[in-house]
Amino acid sequence: MCLIVVGWQLREDYPLILAANRDEFFARPATPADFWEDHGNVLAGRDSEQGGTWLGLTRSGRLAAVTNFRSGRRQRIGTRSRGWLVRDYLLSDQQPREFIAHVHASAEHYDGFNLIAGTQQGLFHCSNRSAEITALPPGTHGLSNHLLNTPWPKVRRAQQGLAALADSPARALPEALFGLLADRTPAPDDTLPDTGIGVEWERTLSTAFIQTPEYGTRCSTVVLVDRSGRAYFEEHSFAPDGSRLAHRRHELQLAPVRD
């Protein structure tokens, strides 16, 4: 994942809204979002190389998503796949804060990451580039390849776009959210972050939807959970030229969350 925007208690009808783009090399094999054959409680895409996932939801109401922390440094050899963080949370029965505390204790085993994890009762963010565990307060939140709510241009645009949907008709939400994720507007050079990858790549990666022949937005996902725990999960997948390959939609009733 390279862009996640969350509306937490932004609307009365949908207290949980999440929209996210997964950016990855097209050569890395993955399967689209569906219920896993070996864990039928889990709805998620799957990284065929390492077995983890970038975003997922369970019938029991657990939700998680991960992004990389971009620093320009080479990945370390022997680290665990960051997709295991989401996989392990979805398969766990630990409370979110307890799980995240465990993640912090083993953070050195991963390259830089951000993890959002929680349930219908609350969402939390942690990163192994920060000592903080943050409980998301009501409002809009954005995450790319730095810490939560770091005001990178595409994060700000996505948050502003989500905030503008606070009073829009419910039936218009999925299309509007996919529209935010499809934004290909590059940021002005004087607003680009400096993460050690050079200005040309910073410019290329400054758009919400990224398109290059080898690397780009592989899929866009929208998750809506209403007050009754009814969840809407839709994923669009894309080719290297930016054209849509397929889309999948799931609706499910989440189990009541136990304290």
Protein backbone atom coordinates (compact mmCIF):
# COMPACT_ATOMS: atom_id res chain seq x y z
CA MET A 1 0.00 0.00 0.00
CA CYS A 2 1.17 3.49 -0.76
CA LEU A 3 -1.94 5.52 0.04
CA ILE A 4 -4.58 4.95 2.69
CA VAL A 5 -7.26 7.42 3.68
CA VAL A 6 -9.59 6.72 6.60
CA GLY A 7 -12.79 8.35 7.74
CA TRP A 8 -13.30 7.32 11.36
CA GLN A 9 -16.70 8.35 12.75
CA LEU A 10 -16.86 10.94 10.00
CA ARG A 11 -20.42 9.92 9.11
CA GLU A 12 -23.28 8.60 11.20
CA ASP A 13 -24.32 5.99 8.62
CA TYR A 14 -20.80 4.72 7.88
CA PRO A 15 -18.59 5.21 10.96
CA LEU A 16 -15.72 3.39 9.22
CA ILE A 17 -14.58 4.34 5.72
CA LEU A 18 -11.26 3.24 4.22
CA ALA A 19 -9.93 3.77 0.70
CA ALA A 20 -6.48 2.59 -0.35
CA ASN A 21 -4.14 2.11 -3.29
CA ARG A 22 -1.65 -0.72 -3.40
CA ASP A 23 1.48 0.27 -5.36
CA GLU A 24 3.87 -2.52 -6.28
CA PHE A 25 6.02 -3.91 -9.07
CA PHE A 26 3.82 -5.60 -11.66
CA ALA A 27 6.20 -8.54 -11.84
CA ARG A 28 5.41 -9.50 -8.24
CA PRO A 29 2.61 -12.09 -8.38
CA ALA A 30 -0.51 -11.61 -6.30
CA THR A 31 -4.08 -12.86 -6.17
CA PRO A 32 -7.08 -10.50 -6.04
CA ALA A 33 -9.24 -9.99 -2.97
CA ASP A 34 -11.39 -12.96 -2.01
CA PHE A 35 -12.03 -15.20 0.97
CA TRP A 36 -8.95 -17.33 1.57
CA GLU A 37 -9.29 -21.05 0.98
CA ASP A 38 -7.13 -21.89 4.01
CA HIS A 39 -8.67 -19.24 6.28
CA GLY A 40 -12.29 -18.70 5.24
CA ASN A 41 -12.74 -15.89 7.77
CA VAL A 42 -10.30 -13.64 5.87
CA LEU A 43 -11.21 -11.43 2.91
CA ALA A 44 -8.05 -10.04 1.32
CA GLY A 45 -5.75 -10.11 -1.65
CA ARG A 46 -2.62 -12.17 -1.28
CA ASP A 47 1.03 -11.73 -2.12
CA SER A 48 1.90 -14.97 -3.92
CA GLU A 49 5.60 -14.48 -3.23
CA GLN A 50 5.51 -14.29 0.59
CA GLY A 51 1.93 -15.23 1.52
CA GLY A 52 1.06 -11.98 3.27
CA THR A 53 -1.36 -9.26 2.28
CA TRP A 54 -1.54 -5.48 2.09
CA LEU A 55 -5.15 -4.99 3.25
CA GLY A 56 -7.80 -7.29 4.64
CA LEU A 57 -11.03 -7.68 6.57
CA THR A 58 -12.38 -10.63 8.51
CA ARG A 59 -15.92 -11.78 9.15
CA SER A 60 -15.20 -11.21 12.82
CA GLY A 61 -14.61 -7.50 12.16
CA ARG A 62 -10.81 -7.24 12.15
CA LEU A 63 -9.38 -4.77 9.62
CA ALA A 64 -5.76 -3.99 8.78
CA ALA A 65 -3.61 -2.37 6.10
CA VAL A 66 0.11 -1.69 5.73
CA THR A 67 2.36 0.73 3.86
CA ASN A 68 6.12 0.85 3.48
CA PHE A 69 8.12 3.67 5.06
CA ARG A 70 10.19 5.23 2.28
CA SER A 71 13.70 6.31 3.22
CA GLY A 72 15.81 5.67 0.13
CA ARG A 73 17.79 2.99 1.95
CA ARG A 74 18.15 -0.48 0.50
CA GLN A 75 16.04 -3.21 2.02
CA ARG A 76 17.87 -5.30 4.57
CA ILE A 77 18.46 -8.97 3.80
CA GLY A 78 16.67 -11.44 6.04
CA THR A 79 13.81 -9.21 7.21
CA ARG A 80 10.25 -10.49 7.44
CA SER A 81 7.71 -9.55 4.80
CA ARG A 82 5.67 -6.54 5.91
CA GLY A 83 2.59 -8.21 4.50
CA TRP A 84 2.85 -10.71 7.35
CA LEU A 85 1.89 -7.92 9.75
CA VAL A 86 -1.57 -7.67 8.19
CA ARG A 87 -1.87 -11.43 7.75
CA ASP A 88 -0.88 -12.14 11.35
CA TYR A 89 -3.28 -9.55 12.73
CA LEU A 90 -6.21 -10.87 10.70
CA LEU A 91 -5.51 -14.40 11.91
CA SER A 92 -4.94 -13.36 15.53
CA ASP A 93 -7.46 -13.14 18.34
CA GLN A 94 -5.45 -10.52 20.25
CA GLN A 95 -6.96 -7.12 20.91
CA PRO A 96 -5.59 -4.50 18.46
CA ARG A 97 -3.52 -2.56 21.00
CA GLU A 98 -2.11 -5.78 22.43
CA PHE A 99 -1.17 -7.01 18.96
CA ILE A 100 0.47 -3.70 18.07
CA ALA A 101 2.46 -3.71 21.30
CA HIS A 102 3.74 -7.15 20.28
CA VAL A 103 4.63 -5.78 16.83
CA HIS A 104 6.64 -2.97 18.42
CA ALA A 105 8.59 -5.51 20.43
CA SER A 106 9.71 -7.24 17.22
CA ALA A 107 9.89 -4.15 14.98
CA GLU A 108 13.58 -4.64 14.14
CA HIS A 109 12.68 -7.75 12.14
CA TYR A 110 10.97 -5.62 9.46
CA ASP A 111 12.02 -2.88 7.09
CA GLY A 112 10.21 0.41 7.62
CA PHE A 113 6.44 0.06 7.84
CA ASN A 114 3.18 1.67 8.90
CA LEU A 115 0.34 -0.51 10.17
CA ILE A 116 -3.28 0.45 10.67
CA ALA A 117 -5.21 -2.21 12.55
CA GLY A 118 -8.43 -2.38 14.51
CA THR A 119 -12.10 -3.27 14.62
CA GLN A 120 -15.43 -1.47 14.47
CA GLN A 121 -14.69 -0.22 17.98
CA GLY A 122 -11.44 1.55 17.17
CA LEU A 123 -8.45 1.83 14.86
CA PHE A 124 -4.77 2.13 15.77
CA HIS A 125 -1.61 3.13 13.92
CA CYS A 126 1.94 2.10 14.62
CA SER A 127 5.25 2.30 12.77
CA ASN A 128 8.73 1.00 13.45
CA ARG A 129 9.91 4.51 12.63
CA SER A 130 8.07 5.92 15.65
CA ALA A 131 7.68 4.91 19.29
CA GLU A 132 4.05 6.05 19.33
CA ILE A 133 0.93 3.89 19.15
CA THR A 134 -1.89 6.15 18.04
CA ALA A 135 -5.59 5.55 18.56
CA LEU A 136 -7.23 7.32 15.62
CA PRO A 137 -9.54 10.10 16.84
CA PRO A 138 -12.75 10.88 14.90
CA GLY A 139 -12.15 12.60 11.57
CA THR A 140 -10.08 11.96 8.44
CA HIS A 141 -6.64 10.39 8.45
CA GLY A 142 -4.13 9.85 5.67
CA LEU A 143 -1.12 7.60 5.30
CA SER A 144 1.41 7.15 2.54
CA ASN A 145 5.06 6.20 2.93
CA HIS A 146 5.81 8.31 5.97
CA LEU A 147 4.07 8.56 9.35
CA LEU A 148 0.32 8.96 9.90
CA ASN A 149 -1.04 12.29 8.64
CA THR A 150 2.32 13.47 7.32
CA PRO A 151 1.13 16.27 4.99
CA TRP A 152 2.47 14.98 1.70
CA PRO A 153 0.49 16.56 -1.18
CA LYS A 154 -1.40 13.42 -2.19
CA VAL A 155 -2.24 12.64 1.43
CA ARG A 156 -3.66 16.15 1.95
CA ARG A 157 -5.70 15.96 -1.28
CA ALA A 158 -7.12 12.57 -0.35
CA GLN A 159 -8.03 13.73 3.16
CA GLN A 160 -9.67 16.88 1.82
CA GLY A 161 -11.57 14.86 -0.75
CA LEU A 162 -12.80 12.43 1.91
CA ALA A 163 -13.84 15.25 4.24
CA ALA A 164 -15.94 16.71 1.40
CA LEU A 165 -17.91 13.45 1.29
CA ALA A 166 -19.11 13.76 4.89
CA ASP A 167 -22.60 14.82 3.78
CA SER A 168 -22.81 13.20 0.34
CA PRO A 169 -25.48 10.57 -0.46
CA ALA A 170 -24.45 7.12 0.74
CA ARG A 171 -25.03 5.55 -2.67
CA ALA A 172 -22.41 7.91 -4.17
CA LEU A 173 -19.62 6.98 -1.75
CA PRO A 174 -17.91 4.08 -3.57
CA GLU A 175 -17.64 5.90 -6.90
CA ALA A 176 -16.46 9.09 -5.21
CA LEU A 177 -13.83 7.25 -3.18
CA PHE A 178 -12.52 5.43 -6.23
CA GLY A 179 -12.33 8.83 -7.87
CA LEU A 180 -10.03 10.07 -5.09
CA LEU A 181 -7.81 7.03 -5.54
CA ALA A 182 -7.66 7.58 -9.32
CA ASP A 183 -6.18 11.09 -9.01
CA ARG A 184 -3.13 11.37 -11.28
CA THR A 185 -2.29 15.00 -10.47
CA PRO A 186 1.45 15.36 -9.78
CA ALA A 187 2.55 17.59 -6.93
CA PRO A 188 4.52 20.77 -7.69
CA ASP A 189 8.24 20.19 -7.31
CA ASP A 190 8.54 22.66 -4.44
CA THR A 191 6.10 20.55 -2.36
CA LEU A 192 7.76 17.18 -2.94
CA PRO A 193 9.20 15.32 0.04
CA ASP A 194 12.86 14.33 0.01
CA THR A 195 13.05 10.64 0.86
CA GLY A 196 16.38 9.95 -0.80
CA ILE A 197 15.15 8.62 -4.17
CA GLY A 198 15.73 11.68 -6.36
CA VAL A 199 13.36 14.33 -7.64
CA GLU A 200 12.17 12.40 -10.73
CA TRP A 201 10.94 9.46 -8.66
CA GLU A 202 9.51 11.80 -6.02
CA ARG A 203 7.52 13.46 -8.81
CA THR A 204 6.35 10.13 -10.23
CA LEU A 205 5.28 8.84 -6.82
CA SER A 206 3.52 12.08 -5.83
CA THR A 207 0.29 11.09 -7.57
CA ALA A 208 -2.40 9.10 -5.79
CA PHE A 209 -2.60 6.72 -8.76
CA ILE A 210 0.88 5.78 -9.99
CA GLN A 211 1.52 4.56 -13.51
CA THR A 212 4.85 3.39 -14.93
CA PRO A 213 5.56 0.33 -17.11
CA GLU A 214 7.13 -1.67 -14.27
CA TYR A 215 5.74 -0.19 -11.05
CA GLY A 216 2.44 1.39 -10.19
CA THR A 217 -0.99 1.14 -8.64
CA ARG A 218 -1.91 -2.54 -8.82
CA CYS A 219 -5.30 -2.20 -7.13
CA SER A 220 -7.63 0.25 -5.42
CA THR A 221 -9.87 -0.83 -2.55
CA VAL A 222 -12.84 0.76 -0.80
CA VAL A 223 -14.18 -0.56 2.52
CA LEU A 224 -17.34 0.80 4.14
CA VAL A 225 -18.76 -0.45 7.44
CA ASP A 226 -22.16 0.82 8.56
CA ARG A 227 -23.53 1.18 12.08
CA SER A 228 -25.03 -2.31 12.05
CA GLY A 229 -21.71 -3.92 11.08
CA ARG A 230 -22.65 -4.47 7.47
CA ALA A 231 -19.47 -4.24 5.38
CA TYR A 232 -18.97 -3.32 1.73
CA PHE A 233 -15.61 -4.31 0.21
CA GLU A 234 -14.76 -3.50 -3.42
CA GLU A 235 -11.44 -3.87 -5.24
CA HIS A 236 -10.41 -2.68 -8.70
CA SER A 237 -7.22 -4.10 -10.23
CA PHE A 238 -5.15 -2.44 -12.93
CA ALA A 239 -2.72 -3.20 -15.75
CA PRO A 240 0.63 -1.40 -16.21
CA ASP A 241 -0.99 1.00 -18.68
CA GLY A 242 -3.47 2.07 -16.02
CA SER A 243 -6.47 0.33 -17.55
CA ARG A 244 -8.79 -1.56 -15.24
CA LEU A 245 -8.42 -5.32 -15.44
CA ALA A 246 -11.20 -6.43 -13.12
CA HIS A 247 -13.26 -5.54 -10.11
CA ARG A 248 -14.64 -7.57 -7.24
CA ARG A 249 -17.32 -6.63 -4.74
CA HIS A 250 -18.22 -8.35 -1.48
CA GLU A 251 -20.87 -7.53 1.10
CA LEU A 252 -20.86 -9.26 4.47
CA GLN A 253 -22.25 -8.95 7.96
CA LEU A 254 -19.50 -8.60 10.54
CA ALA A 255 -19.83 -10.41 13.83
CA PRO A 256 -20.37 -8.22 16.90
CA VAL A 257 -17.03 -7.21 18.39
CA ARG A 258 -16.35 -8.51 21.90
CA ASP A 259 -14.31 -6.55 24.42
